[in-house]
Amino acid sequence: MYTNNKKTDTLEDADRPLVPLVFQGDSIRVLRGFAADVRQDLGYALYQLQLGQTPLDRKPVRTVGPGVYELREQDADRWYRVLYAREGGTIHVLHCFEKRSNAIELKDIETARTRLKRLLEAKREEKRIAKQALRRK
């Protein structure tokens, strides 16, 4: 679904700096375990995000939290999902999983919520520490 698109893939894109991509928890291991064609398509969708483009088949996942989206792919047997959020100029892949039904299982929602919560808490702590350091100067 996310294969190369001549309209959005230009030489200008190659010169553009990529937005950093950070995988939370076991997300990268799970993504690497997906079928090769699915992995390639989802990898390309993540690359589009890094270029500042919007992949065609992304959808908000409000049950996880504000600003969380899913990238979707499927093969004959399963649906594959990558849940991500943008935070502070970085794309954070919160959770990758496969499923056999249309609904996202509660355990996958909870995993993504927990990782998002940890990420936001770490960002708040970084800001707090930076603020304290400025006060000391």
Protein backbone atom coordinates (compact mmCIF):
# COMPACT_ATOMS: atom_id res chain seq x y z
CA MET A 1 0.00 0.00 0.00
CA TYR A 2 2.83 2.42 0.85
CA THR A 3 5.08 1.55 -2.08
CA ASN A 4 7.17 4.22 -3.79
CA ASN A 5 5.10 7.04 -5.19
CA LYS A 6 6.53 9.09 -8.03
CA LYS A 7 4.48 12.14 -7.00
CA THR A 8 6.03 12.34 -3.53
CA ASP A 9 9.45 10.73 -4.10
CA THR A 10 11.64 13.43 -5.58
CA LEU A 11 15.31 14.23 -5.59
CA GLU A 12 14.52 17.15 -3.29
CA ASP A 13 13.42 14.62 -0.67
CA ALA A 14 16.87 13.03 -0.69
CA ASP A 15 18.42 16.35 0.41
CA ARG A 16 15.91 16.97 3.18
CA PRO A 17 17.10 16.03 6.69
CA LEU A 18 15.18 13.13 8.18
CA VAL A 19 13.15 13.58 11.34
CA PRO A 20 14.61 11.27 14.01
CA LEU A 21 12.81 7.98 14.54
CA VAL A 22 12.93 6.25 17.96
CA PHE A 23 11.51 2.80 18.68
CA GLN A 24 10.03 2.23 22.14
CA GLY A 25 10.22 -1.14 23.89
CA ASP A 26 10.37 -4.14 21.58
CA SER A 27 8.81 -2.30 18.63
CA ILE A 28 11.78 -2.62 16.29
CA ARG A 29 12.14 -6.35 17.01
CA VAL A 30 8.44 -6.92 16.33
CA LEU A 31 8.56 -4.86 13.12
CA ARG A 32 11.57 -6.86 11.91
CA GLY A 33 9.52 -10.03 12.47
CA PHE A 34 6.76 -8.97 10.06
CA ALA A 35 6.59 -10.50 6.58
CA ALA A 36 9.16 -8.95 4.22
CA ASP A 37 6.64 -7.17 1.96
CA VAL A 38 4.71 -5.81 4.94
CA ARG A 39 7.95 -4.69 6.62
CA GLN A 40 9.02 -2.92 3.43
CA ASP A 41 5.70 -1.09 3.07
CA LEU A 42 5.55 0.00 6.71
CA GLY A 43 9.22 0.99 6.59
CA TYR A 44 8.48 3.18 3.60
CA ALA A 45 5.55 4.78 5.47
CA LEU A 46 7.89 5.58 8.38
CA TYR A 47 10.36 7.07 5.88
CA GLN A 48 7.56 9.28 4.52
CA LEU A 49 6.91 10.51 8.06
CA GLN A 50 10.60 11.28 8.48
CA LEU A 51 10.41 13.40 5.31
CA GLY A 52 7.44 15.32 6.72
CA GLN A 53 4.93 13.64 4.42
CA THR A 54 1.64 12.06 5.45
CA PRO A 55 1.28 8.38 4.50
CA LEU A 56 -1.93 7.53 2.69
CA ASP A 57 -3.24 4.96 5.14
CA ARG A 58 -2.74 6.42 8.59
CA LYS A 59 -5.46 6.84 11.14
CA PRO A 60 -5.66 8.49 14.58
CA VAL A 61 -5.90 6.11 17.54
CA ARG A 62 -7.60 8.28 20.14
CA THR A 63 -8.06 5.36 22.53
CA VAL A 64 -4.28 5.40 23.14
CA GLY A 65 -3.94 9.15 23.44
CA PRO A 66 -3.96 12.47 21.58
CA GLY A 67 -1.53 12.65 18.69
CA VAL A 68 -1.17 8.86 18.34
CA TYR A 69 -1.60 7.41 14.86
CA GLU A 70 -1.49 3.98 13.32
CA LEU A 71 0.05 2.86 10.06
CA ARG A 72 -1.88 -0.06 8.61
CA GLU A 73 -0.92 -2.93 6.35
CA GLN A 74 -2.33 -6.37 5.73
CA ASP A 75 -1.70 -9.64 3.93
CA ALA A 76 -3.99 -12.59 3.29
CA ASP A 77 -4.00 -13.74 6.92
CA ARG A 78 -3.35 -10.77 9.21
CA TRP A 79 -3.47 -7.05 9.79
CA TYR A 80 -0.27 -5.30 10.86
CA ARG A 81 -0.11 -2.08 12.83
CA VAL A 82 2.53 0.46 13.81
CA LEU A 83 1.41 2.98 16.45
CA TYR A 84 3.43 6.18 16.64
CA ALA A 85 3.39 9.70 18.04
CA ARG A 86 5.39 12.84 17.29
CA GLU A 87 6.96 14.47 20.30
CA GLY A 88 9.47 17.29 20.28
CA GLY A 89 10.60 16.92 16.68
CA THR A 90 10.96 13.13 16.93
CA ILE A 91 8.74 10.31 15.73
CA HIS A 92 8.32 7.70 18.45
CA VAL A 93 7.17 4.23 17.40
CA LEU A 94 5.20 3.18 20.46
CA HIS A 95 4.07 -0.31 19.49
CA CYS A 96 4.07 -2.71 16.55
CA PHE A 97 1.76 -5.72 16.43
CA GLU A 98 -0.24 -8.00 14.21
CA LYS A 99 -3.85 -8.99 14.63
CA ARG A 100 -6.43 -11.26 13.06
CA SER A 101 -9.58 -9.19 13.69
CA ASN A 102 -10.51 -5.61 12.91
CA ALA A 103 -10.43 -4.35 16.51
CA ILE A 104 -7.24 -3.47 18.38
CA GLU A 105 -6.94 -5.71 21.43
CA LEU A 106 -6.93 -4.06 24.85
CA LYS A 107 -3.43 -5.41 25.61
CA ASP A 108 -2.05 -3.57 22.56
CA ILE A 109 -3.81 -0.35 23.53
CA GLU A 110 -2.45 -0.64 27.07
CA THR A 111 1.09 -1.33 25.83
CA ALA A 112 1.01 1.78 23.63
CA ARG A 113 -0.55 3.89 26.42
CA THR A 114 2.11 2.82 28.90
CA ARG A 115 4.93 3.62 26.47
CA LEU A 116 3.38 6.99 25.60
CA LYS A 117 2.99 7.82 29.30
CA ARG A 118 6.65 6.94 29.98
CA LEU A 119 7.74 9.03 27.01
CA LEU A 120 5.76 12.08 28.12
CA GLU A 121 6.97 11.74 31.71
CA ALA A 122 10.59 11.59 30.51
CA LYS A 123 10.07 14.72 28.39
CA ARG A 124 8.55 16.57 31.36
CA GLU A 125 11.48 15.53 33.53
CA GLU A 126 13.96 16.74 30.89
CA LYS A 127 12.23 20.13 30.80
CA ARG A 128 12.21 20.34 34.59
CA ILE A 129 15.93 19.58 34.79
CA ALA A 130 16.72 22.09 32.04
CA LYS A 131 14.69 24.73 33.85
CA GLN A 132 16.55 24.07 37.10
CA ALA A 133 19.90 24.30 35.30
CA LEU A 134 18.93 27.71 33.88
CA ARG A 135 17.98 28.97 37.36
CA ARG A 136 21.39 27.98 38.72
CA LYS A 137 23.23 30.10 36.15
